[in-house]
Amino acid sequence: MATKFTPLHDRILVRRVEEAATSRGGIIIPDSAKDKPTEGEVISAGKGKINEEGKVRPLDVKEGDRILFGKYSGNEITIDGEDFIIMREEDVLGVVSGATAGATKKETVGSRR
């Protein structure tokens, strides 16, 4: 990314992590049937949220974290031809740890049969 972007306060810049194009059974999923992924990587984070006392509380997420967020969270923007989402930290549902690249929420949660 040639342009440097730093979000303000409790906002974060997120790049969506794309899901695999095939299902676990080998069925190819067309683009028109796919939902937008709700998993992403934090690219940049603001300094933190300012409380009533005027003190800054640092964010719980940091650059490089893999996160889950709501389907309609944040605002989509384009920087240098690449799509990102700017959202508040409160829109983050959780941080994914120990997941391999390309693993989706459906694969990790739904694999108990």
Protein backbone atom coordinates (compact mmCIF):
# COMPACT_ATOMS: atom_id res chain seq x y z
CA MET A 1 0.00 0.00 0.00
CA ALA A 2 1.67 3.17 -1.20
CA THR A 3 -0.63 5.56 0.66
CA LYS A 4 -0.28 5.63 4.45
CA PHE A 5 -3.65 5.75 6.24
CA THR A 6 -4.01 6.06 10.01
CA PRO A 7 -7.53 5.86 11.45
CA LEU A 8 -8.52 8.28 14.20
CA HIS A 9 -9.50 7.44 17.78
CA ASP A 10 -11.16 3.99 18.14
CA ARG A 11 -11.40 3.20 14.42
CA ILE A 12 -9.53 0.45 12.56
CA LEU A 13 -8.74 -0.20 8.90
CA VAL A 14 -9.55 -3.80 7.87
CA ARG A 15 -8.86 -5.84 4.72
CA ARG A 16 -11.42 -8.60 4.14
CA VAL A 17 -10.05 -12.15 4.05
CA GLU A 18 -11.61 -13.99 1.13
CA GLU A 19 -13.19 -17.41 1.62
CA ALA A 20 -12.21 -20.43 -0.41
CA ALA A 21 -13.94 -20.80 -3.80
CA THR A 22 -14.84 -24.44 -3.15
CA SER A 23 -16.73 -26.06 -0.32
CA ARG A 24 -15.35 -28.83 1.87
CA GLY A 25 -17.07 -31.39 -0.36
CA GLY A 26 -15.37 -29.99 -3.48
CA ILE A 27 -18.37 -28.10 -4.85
CA ILE A 28 -17.39 -24.87 -6.60
CA ILE A 29 -19.34 -21.89 -5.27
CA PRO A 30 -20.11 -19.18 -7.87
CA ASP A 31 -19.37 -15.55 -7.00
CA SER A 32 -23.07 -14.62 -7.15
CA ALA A 33 -23.90 -17.09 -4.34
CA LYS A 34 -21.13 -15.98 -1.98
CA ASP A 35 -21.71 -13.68 0.96
CA LYS A 36 -19.17 -11.01 1.75
CA PRO A 37 -16.64 -12.44 4.18
CA THR A 38 -16.98 -11.37 7.79
CA GLU A 39 -13.37 -12.10 8.61
CA GLY A 40 -10.55 -9.66 8.04
CA GLU A 41 -7.05 -8.54 8.91
CA VAL A 42 -6.39 -5.32 10.80
CA ILE A 43 -4.16 -3.15 8.61
CA SER A 44 -4.02 -0.04 10.79
CA ALA A 45 -5.50 1.06 14.12
CA GLY A 46 -6.13 4.39 15.81
CA LYS A 47 -4.66 5.50 19.15
CA GLY A 48 -7.68 4.53 21.25
CA LYS A 49 -10.98 5.70 22.69
CA ILE A 50 -11.10 8.82 24.84
CA ASN A 51 -13.12 8.34 28.06
CA GLU A 52 -15.04 10.94 30.11
CA GLU A 53 -11.89 11.84 32.06
CA GLY A 54 -10.04 12.73 28.86
CA LYS A 55 -7.69 9.74 29.07
CA VAL A 56 -7.04 7.51 26.06
CA ARG A 57 -7.85 3.81 26.47
CA PRO A 58 -5.73 1.83 23.98
CA LEU A 59 -7.49 -0.50 21.55
CA ASP A 60 -7.66 -4.25 22.20
CA VAL A 61 -6.89 -5.05 18.54
CA LYS A 62 -3.61 -4.28 16.79
CA GLU A 63 -2.14 -4.43 13.30
CA GLY A 64 -1.97 -7.95 11.93
CA ASP A 65 -4.84 -9.37 14.05
CA ARG A 66 -7.41 -11.57 12.29
CA ILE A 67 -10.87 -10.49 13.40
CA LEU A 68 -14.53 -11.39 12.94
CA PHE A 69 -17.04 -8.59 12.44
CA GLY A 70 -20.72 -8.13 11.67
CA LYS A 71 -22.00 -8.52 8.13
CA TYR A 72 -22.96 -4.85 7.76
CA SER A 73 -20.23 -3.32 9.95
CA GLY A 74 -18.16 -0.31 8.96
CA ASN A 75 -17.82 1.78 5.81
CA GLU A 76 -16.24 0.40 2.65
CA ILE A 77 -13.52 2.55 1.07
CA THR A 78 -10.94 2.16 -1.71
CA ILE A 79 -7.33 3.20 -1.21
CA ASP A 80 -4.86 2.82 -4.10
CA GLY A 81 -7.32 0.54 -5.93
CA GLU A 82 -7.73 -1.88 -2.99
CA ASP A 83 -10.95 -2.27 -0.98
CA PHE A 84 -10.92 -1.81 2.80
CA ILE A 85 -13.38 -1.28 5.63
CA ILE A 86 -13.15 1.39 8.30
CA MET A 87 -14.98 0.39 11.47
CA ARG A 88 -15.06 1.16 15.16
CA GLU A 89 -13.49 -1.27 17.58
CA GLU A 90 -16.92 -1.96 19.10
CA ASP A 91 -17.99 -3.54 15.76
CA VAL A 92 -15.36 -6.27 16.18
CA LEU A 93 -16.91 -9.51 17.44
CA GLY A 94 -13.62 -11.21 18.33
CA VAL A 95 -10.02 -11.95 17.44
CA VAL A 96 -9.24 -15.23 15.66
CA SER A 97 -6.10 -16.93 16.93
CA GLY A 98 -4.49 -20.10 15.65
CA ALA A 99 -6.54 -20.15 12.42
CA THR A 100 -4.82 -21.02 9.18
CA ALA A 101 -5.06 -18.67 6.24
CA GLY A 102 -8.28 -19.26 4.32
CA ALA A 103 -10.08 -21.03 7.19
CA THR A 104 -13.60 -19.75 7.50
CA LYS A 105 -15.93 -19.50 10.45
CA LYS A 106 -18.17 -22.20 8.93
CA GLU A 107 -15.26 -24.64 8.62
CA THR A 108 -13.93 -24.13 12.14
CA VAL A 109 -17.28 -24.05 13.92
CA GLY A 110 -19.24 -26.48 11.74
CA SER A 111 -16.61 -29.25 11.66
CA ARG A 112 -18.03 -31.04 14.73
CA ARG A 113 -20.09 -33.91 13.29
